[in-house]
mmCIF file of all heavy atoms, coordinates in Angstrom:
data_MODEL
# 
_entry.id   MODEL 
# 
loop_
_atom_site.group_PDB 
_atom_site.id 
_atom_site.type_symbol 
_atom_site.label_atom_id 
_atom_site.label_alt_id 
_atom_site.label_comp_id 
_atom_site.label_asym_id 
_atom_site.label_entity_id 
_atom_site.label_seq_id 
_atom_site.pdbx_PDB_ins_code 
_atom_site.Cartn_x 
_atom_site.Cartn_y 
_atom_site.Cartn_z 
_atom_site.occupancy 
_atom_site.B_iso_or_equiv 
_atom_site.pdbx_formal_charge 
_atom_site.auth_seq_id 
_atom_site.auth_comp_id 
_atom_site.auth_asym_id 
_atom_site.auth_atom_id 
_atom_site.pdbx_PDB_model_num 
ATOM 1   N N   . GLU A 1 1  ? -10.617 75.185 -59.292 1.00 0.00 ? 1  GLU A N   1 
ATOM 2   C CA  . GLU A 1 1  ? -9.235  75.655 -59.064 1.00 0.00 ? 1  GLU A CA  1 
ATOM 3   C C   . GLU A 1 1  ? -8.240  74.692 -59.772 1.00 0.00 ? 1  GLU A C   1 
ATOM 4   O O   . GLU A 1 1  ? -7.407  74.130 -59.096 1.00 0.00 ? 1  GLU A O   1 
ATOM 5   C CB  . GLU A 1 1  ? -8.928  75.712 -57.574 1.00 0.00 ? 1  GLU A CB  1 
ATOM 6   C CG  . GLU A 1 1  ? -9.794  76.698 -56.829 1.00 0.00 ? 1  GLU A CG  1 
ATOM 7   C CD  . GLU A 1 1  ? -9.458  78.159 -57.213 1.00 0.00 ? 1  GLU A CD  1 
ATOM 8   O OE1 . GLU A 1 1  ? -8.315  78.452 -57.472 1.00 0.00 ? 1  GLU A OE1 1 
ATOM 9   O OE2 . GLU A 1 1  ? -10.436 78.921 -57.300 1.00 0.00 ? 1  GLU A OE2 1 
ATOM 10  N N   . LEU A 1 2  ? -8.392  74.533 -61.058 1.00 0.00 ? 2  LEU A N   1 
ATOM 11  C CA  . LEU A 1 2  ? -7.537  73.684 -61.824 1.00 0.00 ? 2  LEU A CA  1 
ATOM 12  C C   . LEU A 1 2  ? -6.751  74.586 -62.821 1.00 0.00 ? 2  LEU A C   1 
ATOM 13  O O   . LEU A 1 2  ? -7.180  75.587 -63.161 1.00 0.00 ? 2  LEU A O   1 
ATOM 14  C CB  . LEU A 1 2  ? -8.305  72.648 -62.610 1.00 0.00 ? 2  LEU A CB  1 
ATOM 15  C CG  . LEU A 1 2  ? -9.081  71.616 -61.783 1.00 0.00 ? 2  LEU A CG  1 
ATOM 16  C CD1 . LEU A 1 2  ? -9.998  70.806 -62.658 1.00 0.00 ? 2  LEU A CD1 1 
ATOM 17  C CD2 . LEU A 1 2  ? -8.128  70.688 -61.058 1.00 0.00 ? 2  LEU A CD2 1 
ATOM 18  N N   . ASP A 1 3  ? -5.584  74.070 -63.193 1.00 0.00 ? 3  ASP A N   1 
ATOM 19  C CA  . ASP A 1 3  ? -4.785  74.801 -64.182 1.00 0.00 ? 3  ASP A CA  1 
ATOM 20  C C   . ASP A 1 3  ? -5.511  74.833 -65.526 1.00 0.00 ? 3  ASP A C   1 
ATOM 21  O O   . ASP A 1 3  ? -5.983  73.846 -65.992 1.00 0.00 ? 3  ASP A O   1 
ATOM 22  C CB  . ASP A 1 3  ? -3.378  74.117 -64.422 1.00 0.00 ? 3  ASP A CB  1 
ATOM 23  C CG  . ASP A 1 3  ? -2.470  74.293 -63.222 1.00 0.00 ? 3  ASP A CG  1 
ATOM 24  O OD1 . ASP A 1 3  ? -2.662  75.307 -62.451 1.00 0.00 ? 3  ASP A OD1 1 
ATOM 25  O OD2 . ASP A 1 3  ? -1.551  73.440 -63.052 1.00 0.00 ? 3  ASP A OD2 1 
ATOM 26  N N   . LYS A 1 4  ? -5.652  76.044 -66.066 1.00 0.00 ? 4  LYS A N   1 
ATOM 27  C CA  . LYS A 1 4  ? -6.355  76.225 -67.284 1.00 0.00 ? 4  LYS A CA  1 
ATOM 28  C C   . LYS A 1 4  ? -5.848  75.375 -68.446 1.00 0.00 ? 4  LYS A C   1 
ATOM 29  O O   . LYS A 1 4  ? -6.607  74.717 -69.228 1.00 0.00 ? 4  LYS A O   1 
ATOM 30  C CB  . LYS A 1 4  ? -6.412  77.671 -67.689 1.00 0.00 ? 4  LYS A CB  1 
ATOM 31  C CG  . LYS A 1 4  ? -6.979  78.643 -66.632 1.00 0.00 ? 4  LYS A CG  1 
ATOM 32  C CD  . LYS A 1 4  ? -8.264  78.195 -66.046 1.00 0.00 ? 4  LYS A CD  1 
ATOM 33  C CE  . LYS A 1 4  ? -8.706  79.204 -64.985 1.00 0.00 ? 4  LYS A CE  1 
ATOM 34  N NZ  . LYS A 1 4  ? -9.023  78.679 -63.695 1.00 0.00 ? 4  LYS A NZ  1 
ATOM 35  N N   . PRO A 1 5  ? -4.481  75.205 -68.625 1.00 0.00 ? 5  PRO A N   1 
ATOM 36  C CA  . PRO A 1 5  ? -3.995  74.372 -69.712 1.00 0.00 ? 5  PRO A CA  1 
ATOM 37  C C   . PRO A 1 5  ? -4.393  72.916 -69.514 1.00 0.00 ? 5  PRO A C   1 
ATOM 38  O O   . PRO A 1 5  ? -4.658  72.207 -70.553 1.00 0.00 ? 5  PRO A O   1 
ATOM 39  C CB  . PRO A 1 5  ? -2.467  74.557 -69.628 1.00 0.00 ? 5  PRO A CB  1 
ATOM 40  C CG  . PRO A 1 5  ? -2.269  75.863 -68.992 1.00 0.00 ? 5  PRO A CG  1 
ATOM 41  C CD  . PRO A 1 5  ? -3.366  76.018 -67.978 1.00 0.00 ? 5  PRO A CD  1 
ATOM 42  N N   . ILE A 1 6  ? -4.518  72.401 -68.377 1.00 0.00 ? 6  ILE A N   1 
ATOM 43  C CA  . ILE A 1 6  ? -4.905  71.045 -68.104 1.00 0.00 ? 6  ILE A CA  1 
ATOM 44  C C   . ILE A 1 6  ? -6.385  70.861 -68.564 1.00 0.00 ? 6  ILE A C   1 
ATOM 45  O O   . ILE A 1 6  ? -6.739  69.906 -69.189 1.00 0.00 ? 6  ILE A O   1 
ATOM 46  C CB  . ILE A 1 6  ? -4.759  70.631 -66.652 1.00 0.00 ? 6  ILE A CB  1 
ATOM 47  C CG1 . ILE A 1 6  ? -3.222  70.575 -66.316 1.00 0.00 ? 6  ILE A CG1 1 
ATOM 48  C CG2 . ILE A 1 6  ? -5.441  69.314 -66.345 1.00 0.00 ? 6  ILE A CG2 1 
ATOM 49  C CD1 . ILE A 1 6  ? -2.871  70.379 -64.910 1.00 0.00 ? 6  ILE A CD1 1 
ATOM 50  N N   . ILE A 1 7  ? -7.247  71.809 -68.197 1.00 0.00 ? 7  ILE A N   1 
ATOM 51  C CA  . ILE A 1 7  ? -8.637  71.824 -68.560 1.00 0.00 ? 7  ILE A CA  1 
ATOM 52  C C   . ILE A 1 7  ? -8.781  71.795 -70.050 1.00 0.00 ? 7  ILE A C   1 
ATOM 53  O O   . ILE A 1 7  ? -9.505  70.913 -70.669 1.00 0.00 ? 7  ILE A O   1 
ATOM 54  C CB  . ILE A 1 7  ? -9.407  73.005 -67.935 1.00 0.00 ? 7  ILE A CB  1 
ATOM 55  C CG1 . ILE A 1 7  ? -9.435  72.908 -66.391 1.00 0.00 ? 7  ILE A CG1 1 
ATOM 56  C CG2 . ILE A 1 7  ? -10.851 73.062 -68.495 1.00 0.00 ? 7  ILE A CG2 1 
ATOM 57  C CD1 . ILE A 1 7  ? -9.855  74.231 -65.709 1.00 0.00 ? 7  ILE A CD1 1 
ATOM 58  N N   . ILE A 1 8  ? -8.106  72.694 -70.738 1.00 0.00 ? 8  ILE A N   1 
ATOM 59  C CA  . ILE A 1 8  ? -8.157  72.761 -72.202 1.00 0.00 ? 8  ILE A CA  1 
ATOM 60  C C   . ILE A 1 8  ? -7.653  71.460 -72.834 1.00 0.00 ? 8  ILE A C   1 
ATOM 61  O O   . ILE A 1 8  ? -8.319  70.959 -73.744 1.00 0.00 ? 8  ILE A O   1 
ATOM 62  C CB  . ILE A 1 8  ? -7.384  74.000 -72.723 1.00 0.00 ? 8  ILE A CB  1 
ATOM 63  C CG1 . ILE A 1 8  ? -8.166  75.260 -72.199 1.00 0.00 ? 8  ILE A CG1 1 
ATOM 64  C CG2 . ILE A 1 8  ? -7.301  73.984 -74.213 1.00 0.00 ? 8  ILE A CG2 1 
ATOM 65  C CD1 . ILE A 1 8  ? -7.382  76.594 -72.491 1.00 0.00 ? 8  ILE A CD1 1 
ATOM 66  N N   . ASN A 1 9  ? -6.512  70.968 -72.369 1.00 0.00 ? 9  ASN A N   1 
ATOM 67  C CA  . ASN A 1 9  ? -5.953  69.746 -72.941 1.00 0.00 ? 9  ASN A CA  1 
ATOM 68  C C   . ASN A 1 9  ? -6.989  68.599 -72.779 1.00 0.00 ? 9  ASN A C   1 
ATOM 69  O O   . ASN A 1 9  ? -7.135  67.780 -73.717 1.00 0.00 ? 9  ASN A O   1 
ATOM 70  C CB  . ASN A 1 9  ? -4.611  69.390 -72.301 1.00 0.00 ? 9  ASN A CB  1 
ATOM 71  C CG  . ASN A 1 9  ? -3.983  68.237 -72.965 1.00 0.00 ? 9  ASN A CG  1 
ATOM 72  O OD1 . ASN A 1 9  ? -3.737  68.252 -74.128 1.00 0.00 ? 9  ASN A OD1 1 
ATOM 73  N ND2 . ASN A 1 9  ? -3.721  67.218 -72.212 1.00 0.00 ? 9  ASN A ND2 1 
ATOM 74  N N   . GLU A 1 10 ? -7.529  68.439 -71.639 1.00 0.00 ? 10 GLU A N   1 
ATOM 75  C CA  . GLU A 1 10 ? -8.490  67.361 -71.374 1.00 0.00 ? 10 GLU A CA  1 
ATOM 76  C C   . GLU A 1 10 ? -9.679  67.494 -72.355 1.00 0.00 ? 10 GLU A C   1 
ATOM 77  O O   . GLU A 1 10 ? -10.152 66.490 -72.903 1.00 0.00 ? 10 GLU A O   1 
ATOM 78  C CB  . GLU A 1 10 ? -9.058  67.419 -69.955 1.00 0.00 ? 10 GLU A CB  1 
ATOM 79  C CG  . GLU A 1 10 ? -8.198  66.755 -68.936 1.00 0.00 ? 10 GLU A CG  1 
ATOM 80  C CD  . GLU A 1 10 ? -8.323  65.243 -68.931 1.00 0.00 ? 10 GLU A CD  1 
ATOM 81  O OE1 . GLU A 1 10 ? -9.330  64.693 -68.608 1.00 0.00 ? 10 GLU A OE1 1 
ATOM 82  O OE2 . GLU A 1 10 ? -7.345  64.570 -69.321 1.00 0.00 ? 10 GLU A OE2 1 
ATOM 83  N N   . ALA A 1 11 ? -10.209 68.728 -72.494 1.00 0.00 ? 11 ALA A N   1 
ATOM 84  C CA  . ALA A 1 11 ? -11.298 68.976 -73.456 1.00 0.00 ? 11 ALA A CA  1 
ATOM 85  C C   . ALA A 1 11 ? -10.971 68.596 -74.794 1.00 0.00 ? 11 ALA A C   1 
ATOM 86  O O   . ALA A 1 11 ? -11.741 67.912 -75.530 1.00 0.00 ? 11 ALA A O   1 
ATOM 87  C CB  . ALA A 1 11 ? -11.840 70.391 -73.307 1.00 0.00 ? 11 ALA A CB  1 
ATOM 88  N N   . ILE A 1 12 ? -9.787  68.943 -75.281 1.00 0.00 ? 12 ILE A N   1 
ATOM 89  C CA  . ILE A 1 12 ? -9.360  68.644 -76.639 1.00 0.00 ? 12 ILE A CA  1 
ATOM 90  C C   . ILE A 1 12 ? -9.219  67.137 -76.792 1.00 0.00 ? 12 ILE A C   1 
ATOM 91  O O   . ILE A 1 12 ? -9.663  66.564 -77.826 1.00 0.00 ? 12 ILE A O   1 
ATOM 92  C CB  . ILE A 1 12 ? -8.029  69.365 -76.967 1.00 0.00 ? 12 ILE A CB  1 
ATOM 93  C CG1 . ILE A 1 12 ? -8.263  70.856 -77.036 1.00 0.00 ? 12 ILE A CG1 1 
ATOM 94  C CG2 . ILE A 1 12 ? -7.358  68.798 -78.240 1.00 0.00 ? 12 ILE A CG2 1 
ATOM 95  C CD1 . ILE A 1 12 ? -6.990  71.692 -77.036 1.00 0.00 ? 12 ILE A CD1 1 
ATOM 96  N N   . GLU A 1 13 ? -8.591  66.494 -75.847 1.00 0.00 ? 13 GLU A N   1 
ATOM 97  C CA  . GLU A 1 13 ? -8.399  65.017 -75.944 1.00 0.00 ? 13 GLU A CA  1 
ATOM 98  C C   . GLU A 1 13 ? -9.781  64.272 -76.009 1.00 0.00 ? 13 GLU A C   1 
ATOM 99  O O   . GLU A 1 13 ? -9.943  63.368 -76.768 1.00 0.00 ? 13 GLU A O   1 
ATOM 100 C CB  . GLU A 1 13 ? -7.512  64.481 -74.865 1.00 0.00 ? 13 GLU A CB  1 
ATOM 101 C CG  . GLU A 1 13 ? -6.061  64.935 -74.953 1.00 0.00 ? 13 GLU A CG  1 
ATOM 102 C CD  . GLU A 1 13 ? -5.419  64.546 -76.302 1.00 0.00 ? 13 GLU A CD  1 
ATOM 103 O OE1 . GLU A 1 13 ? -5.585  63.393 -76.740 1.00 0.00 ? 13 GLU A OE1 1 
ATOM 104 O OE2 . GLU A 1 13 ? -4.770  65.402 -76.914 1.00 0.00 ? 13 GLU A OE2 1 
ATOM 105 N N   . LEU A 1 14 ? -10.672 64.726 -75.145 1.00 0.00 ? 14 LEU A N   1 
ATOM 106 C CA  . LEU A 1 14 ? -11.976 64.117 -75.113 1.00 0.00 ? 14 LEU A CA  1 
ATOM 107 C C   . LEU A 1 14 ? -12.744 64.418 -76.425 1.00 0.00 ? 14 LEU A C   1 
ATOM 108 O O   . LEU A 1 14 ? -13.446 63.470 -76.932 1.00 0.00 ? 14 LEU A O   1 
ATOM 109 C CB  . LEU A 1 14 ? -12.759 64.667 -73.915 1.00 0.00 ? 14 LEU A CB  1 
ATOM 110 C CG  . LEU A 1 14 ? -12.346 64.075 -72.505 1.00 0.00 ? 14 LEU A CG  1 
ATOM 111 C CD1 . LEU A 1 14 ? -12.918 64.915 -71.460 1.00 0.00 ? 14 LEU A CD1 1 
ATOM 112 C CD2 . LEU A 1 14 ? -12.751 62.584 -72.433 1.00 0.00 ? 14 LEU A CD2 1 
ATOM 113 N N   . SER A 1 15 ? -12.563 65.580 -76.968 1.00 0.00 ? 15 SER A N   1 
ATOM 114 C CA  . SER A 1 15 ? -13.228 65.853 -78.265 1.00 0.00 ? 15 SER A CA  1 
ATOM 115 C C   . SER A 1 15 ? -12.658 65.022 -79.380 1.00 0.00 ? 15 SER A C   1 
ATOM 116 O O   . SER A 1 15 ? -13.403 64.667 -80.294 1.00 0.00 ? 15 SER A O   1 
ATOM 117 C CB  . SER A 1 15 ? -13.180 67.359 -78.571 1.00 0.00 ? 15 SER A CB  1 
ATOM 118 O OG  . SER A 1 15 ? -11.806 67.769 -78.873 1.00 0.00 ? 15 SER A OG  1 
ATOM 119 N N   . LYS A 1 16 ? -11.347 64.695 -79.323 1.00 0.00 ? 16 LYS A N   1 
ATOM 120 C CA  . LYS A 1 16 ? -10.790 63.847 -80.344 1.00 0.00 ? 16 LYS A CA  1 
ATOM 121 C C   . LYS A 1 16 ? -11.446 62.457 -80.345 1.00 0.00 ? 16 LYS A C   1 
ATOM 122 O O   . LYS A 1 16 ? -11.591 61.828 -81.358 1.00 0.00 ? 16 LYS A O   1 
ATOM 123 C CB  . LYS A 1 16 ? -9.230  63.717 -80.144 1.00 0.00 ? 16 LYS A CB  1 
ATOM 124 C CG  . LYS A 1 16 ? -8.493  64.916 -80.502 1.00 0.00 ? 16 LYS A CG  1 
ATOM 125 C CD  . LYS A 1 16 ? -7.018  64.704 -80.169 1.00 0.00 ? 16 LYS A CD  1 
ATOM 126 C CE  . LYS A 1 16 ? -6.203  65.948 -80.446 1.00 0.00 ? 16 LYS A CE  1 
ATOM 127 N NZ  . LYS A 1 16 ? -4.787  65.769 -80.066 1.00 0.00 ? 16 LYS A NZ  1 
ATOM 128 N N   . ARG A 1 17 ? -11.765 61.980 -79.140 1.00 0.00 ? 17 ARG A N   1 
ATOM 129 C CA  . ARG A 1 17 ? -12.362 60.644 -78.996 1.00 0.00 ? 17 ARG A CA  1 
ATOM 130 C C   . ARG A 1 17 ? -13.876 60.660 -79.283 1.00 0.00 ? 17 ARG A C   1 
ATOM 131 O O   . ARG A 1 17 ? -14.451 59.655 -79.648 1.00 0.00 ? 17 ARG A O   1 
ATOM 132 C CB  . ARG A 1 17 ? -12.033 60.066 -77.648 1.00 0.00 ? 17 ARG A CB  1 
ATOM 133 C CG  . ARG A 1 17 ? -10.643 59.706 -77.505 1.00 0.00 ? 17 ARG A CG  1 
ATOM 134 C CD  . ARG A 1 17 ? -10.400 58.637 -76.386 1.00 0.00 ? 17 ARG A CD  1 
ATOM 135 N NE  . ARG A 1 17 ? -11.227 58.671 -75.200 1.00 0.00 ? 17 ARG A NE  1 
ATOM 136 C CZ  . ARG A 1 17 ? -10.953 59.224 -74.063 1.00 0.00 ? 17 ARG A CZ  1 
ATOM 137 N NH1 . ARG A 1 17 ? -9.770  59.859 -73.969 1.00 0.00 ? 17 ARG A NH1 1 
ATOM 138 N NH2 . ARG A 1 17 ? -11.689 59.197 -73.056 1.00 0.00 ? 17 ARG A NH2 1 
ATOM 139 N N   . LEU A 1 18 ? -14.510 61.695 -78.826 1.00 0.00 ? 18 LEU A N   1 
ATOM 140 C CA  . LEU A 1 18 ? -16.020 61.695 -78.744 1.00 0.00 ? 18 LEU A CA  1 
ATOM 141 C C   . LEU A 1 18 ? -16.723 62.528 -79.778 1.00 0.00 ? 18 LEU A C   1 
ATOM 142 O O   . LEU A 1 18 ? -17.953 62.294 -80.066 1.00 0.00 ? 18 LEU A O   1 
ATOM 143 C CB  . LEU A 1 18 ? -16.456 62.188 -77.341 1.00 0.00 ? 18 LEU A CB  1 
ATOM 144 C CG  . LEU A 1 18 ? -15.933 61.418 -76.168 1.00 0.00 ? 18 LEU A CG  1 
ATOM 145 C CD1 . LEU A 1 18 ? -16.320 62.151 -74.902 1.00 0.00 ? 18 LEU A CD1 1 
ATOM 146 C CD2 . LEU A 1 18 ? -16.397 59.995 -76.136 1.00 0.00 ? 18 LEU A CD2 1 
ATOM 147 N N   . ALA A 1 19 ? -16.089 63.476 -80.376 1.00 0.00 ? 19 ALA A N   1 
ATOM 148 C CA  . ALA A 1 19 ? -16.752 64.440 -81.212 1.00 0.00 ? 19 ALA A CA  1 
ATOM 149 C C   . ALA A 1 19 ? -16.335 64.392 -82.661 1.00 0.00 ? 19 ALA A C   1 
ATOM 150 O O   . ALA A 1 19 ? -15.575 63.509 -83.094 1.00 0.00 ? 19 ALA A O   1 
ATOM 151 C CB  . ALA A 1 19 ? -16.582 65.825 -80.658 1.00 0.00 ? 19 ALA A CB  1 
ATOM 152 N N   . SER A 1 20 ? -16.818 65.334 -83.479 1.00 0.00 ? 20 SER A N   1 
ATOM 153 C CA  . SER A 1 20 ? -16.482 65.389 -84.902 1.00 0.00 ? 20 SER A CA  1 
ATOM 154 C C   . SER A 1 20 ? -15.040 65.724 -85.163 1.00 0.00 ? 20 SER A C   1 
ATOM 155 O O   . SER A 1 20 ? -14.312 66.178 -84.224 1.00 0.00 ? 20 SER A O   1 
ATOM 156 C CB  . SER A 1 20 ? -17.379 66.432 -85.586 1.00 0.00 ? 20 SER A CB  1 
ATOM 157 O OG  . SER A 1 20 ? -17.047 67.686 -85.119 1.00 0.00 ? 20 SER A OG  1 
ATOM 158 N N   . ASP A 1 21 ? -14.554 65.539 -86.360 1.00 0.00 ? 21 ASP A N   1 
ATOM 159 C CA  . ASP A 1 21 ? -13.148 65.756 -86.665 1.00 0.00 ? 21 ASP A CA  1 
ATOM 160 C C   . ASP A 1 21 ? -12.755 67.198 -86.439 1.00 0.00 ? 21 ASP A C   1 
ATOM 161 O O   . ASP A 1 21 ? -11.580 67.495 -86.135 1.00 0.00 ? 21 ASP A O   1 
ATOM 162 C CB  . ASP A 1 21 ? -12.904 65.372 -88.108 1.00 0.00 ? 21 ASP A CB  1 
ATOM 163 C CG  . ASP A 1 21 ? -12.952 63.908 -88.386 1.00 0.00 ? 21 ASP A CG  1 
ATOM 164 O OD1 . ASP A 1 21 ? -12.896 63.102 -87.392 1.00 0.00 ? 21 ASP A OD1 1 
ATOM 165 O OD2 . ASP A 1 21 ? -13.103 63.492 -89.559 1.00 0.00 ? 21 ASP A OD2 1 
ATOM 166 N N   . ASN A 1 22 ? -13.633 68.142 -86.686 1.00 0.00 ? 22 ASN A N   1 
ATOM 167 C CA  . ASN A 1 22 ? -13.307 69.582 -86.531 1.00 0.00 ? 22 ASN A CA  1 
ATOM 168 C C   . ASN A 1 22 ? -13.436 70.093 -85.079 1.00 0.00 ? 22 ASN A C   1 
ATOM 169 O O   . ASN A 1 22 ? -13.039 71.175 -84.742 1.00 0.00 ? 22 ASN A O   1 
ATOM 170 C CB  . ASN A 1 22 ? -14.211 70.422 -87.378 1.00 0.00 ? 22 ASN A CB  1 
ATOM 171 C CG  . ASN A 1 22 ? -14.033 70.149 -88.787 1.00 0.00 ? 22 ASN A CG  1 
ATOM 172 O OD1 . ASN A 1 22 ? -12.983 69.803 -89.252 1.00 0.00 ? 22 ASN A OD1 1 
ATOM 173 N ND2 . ASN A 1 22 ? -15.120 70.325 -89.667 1.00 0.00 ? 22 ASN A ND2 1 
ATOM 174 N N   . ALA A 1 23 ? -13.980 69.245 -84.207 1.00 0.00 ? 23 ALA A N   1 
ATOM 175 C CA  . ALA A 1 23 ? -14.268 69.690 -82.803 1.00 0.00 ? 23 ALA A CA  1 
ATOM 176 C C   . ALA A 1 23 ? -12.998 70.052 -82.042 1.00 0.00 ? 23 ALA A C   1 
ATOM 177 O O   . ALA A 1 23 ? -13.030 71.099 -81.310 1.00 0.00 ? 23 ALA A O   1 
ATOM 178 C CB  . ALA A 1 23 ? -15.063 68.568 -82.081 1.00 0.00 ? 23 ALA A CB  1 
ATOM 179 N N   . PRO A 1 24 ? -11.890 69.359 -82.098 1.00 0.00 ? 24 PRO A N   1 
ATOM 180 C CA  . PRO A 1 24 ? -10.746 69.703 -81.266 1.00 0.00 ? 24 PRO A CA  1 
ATOM 181 C C   . PRO A 1 24 ? -10.271 71.118 -81.515 1.00 0.00 ? 24 PRO A C   1 
ATOM 182 O O   . PRO A 1 24 ? -10.037 71.873 -80.583 1.00 0.00 ? 24 PRO A O   1 
ATOM 183 C CB  . PRO A 1 24 ? -9.705  68.652 -81.633 1.00 0.00 ? 24 PRO A CB  1 
ATOM 184 C CG  . PRO A 1 24 ? -10.453 67.443 -82.035 1.00 0.00 ? 24 PRO A CG  1 
ATOM 185 C CD  . PRO A 1 24 ? -11.687 68.027 -82.737 1.00 0.00 ? 24 PRO A CD  1 
ATOM 186 N N   . LYS A 1 25 ? -10.140 71.498 -82.809 1.00 0.00 ? 25 LYS A N   1 
ATOM 187 C CA  . LYS A 1 25 ? -9.724  72.865 -83.144 1.00 0.00 ? 25 LYS A CA  1 
ATOM 188 C C   . LYS A 1 25 ? -10.703 73.871 -82.621 1.00 0.00 ? 25 LYS A C   1 
ATOM 189 O O   . LYS A 1 25 ? -10.364 74.931 -82.090 1.00 0.00 ? 25 LYS A O   1 
ATOM 190 C CB  . LYS A 1 25 ? -9.485  72.933 -84.637 1.00 0.00 ? 25 LYS A CB  1 
ATOM 191 C CG  . LYS A 1 25 ? -8.938  74.250 -85.138 1.00 0.00 ? 25 LYS A CG  1 
ATOM 192 C CD  . LYS A 1 25 ? -8.699  74.274 -86.573 1.00 0.00 ? 25 LYS A CD  1 
ATOM 193 C CE  . LYS A 1 25 ? -8.206  75.639 -87.023 1.00 0.00 ? 25 LYS A CE  1 
ATOM 194 N NZ  . LYS A 1 25 ? -7.995  75.705 -88.431 1.00 0.00 ? 25 LYS A NZ  1 
ATOM 195 N N   . PHE A 1 26 ? -12.022 73.623 -82.882 1.00 0.00 ? 26 PHE A N   1 
ATOM 196 C CA  . PHE A 1 26 ? -13.099 74.543 -82.540 1.00 0.00 ? 26 PHE A CA  1 
ATOM 197 C C   . PHE A 1 26 ? -13.079 74.737 -80.943 1.00 0.00 ? 26 PHE A C   1 
ATOM 198 O O   . PHE A 1 26 ? -13.094 75.845 -80.453 1.00 0.00 ? 26 PHE A O   1 
ATOM 199 C CB  . PHE A 1 26 ? -14.410 74.024 -82.963 1.00 0.00 ? 26 PHE A CB  1 
ATOM 200 C CG  . PHE A 1 26 ? -15.565 74.729 -82.383 1.00 0.00 ? 26 PHE A CG  1 
ATOM 201 C CD1 . PHE A 1 26 ? -15.899 76.026 -82.838 1.00 0.00 ? 26 PHE A CD1 1 
ATOM 202 C CD2 . PHE A 1 26 ? -16.391 74.078 -81.421 1.00 0.00 ? 26 PHE A CD2 1 
ATOM 203 C CE1 . PHE A 1 26 ? -16.945 76.716 -82.254 1.00 0.00 ? 26 PHE A CE1 1 
ATOM 204 C CE2 . PHE A 1 26 ? -17.449 74.776 -80.894 1.00 0.00 ? 26 PHE A CE2 1 
ATOM 205 C CZ  . PHE A 1 26 ? -17.772 76.071 -81.283 1.00 0.00 ? 26 PHE A CZ  1 
ATOM 206 N N   . ILE A 1 27 ? -13.058 73.582 -80.252 1.00 0.00 ? 27 ILE A N   1 
ATOM 207 C CA  . ILE A 1 27 ? -13.077 73.737 -78.787 1.00 0.00 ? 27 ILE A CA  1 
ATOM 208 C C   . ILE A 1 27 ? -11.896 74.382 -78.222 1.00 0.00 ? 27 ILE A C   1 
ATOM 209 O O   . ILE A 1 27 ? -11.959 75.202 -77.280 1.00 0.00 ? 27 ILE A O   1 
ATOM 210 C CB  . ILE A 1 27 ? -13.275 72.214 -78.204 1.00 0.00 ? 27 ILE A CB  1 
ATOM 211 C CG1 . ILE A 1 27 ? -14.701 71.840 -78.477 1.00 0.00 ? 27 ILE A CG1 1 
ATOM 212 C CG2 . ILE A 1 27 ? -12.923 72.163 -76.712 1.00 0.00 ? 27 ILE A CG2 1 
ATOM 213 C CD1 . ILE A 1 27 ? -14.980 70.291 -78.089 1.00 0.00 ? 27 ILE A CD1 1 
# 
C-alpha cells in the first residue's frame, strides 16, 4: 500500500546507482 510514484522513483534512483546506463529509462 505505497504510492505508485514513490515506488517508481525509488526504483529509478536505485537503478541509476546499481544498474547499467540504460536501466533507469527501461525500468
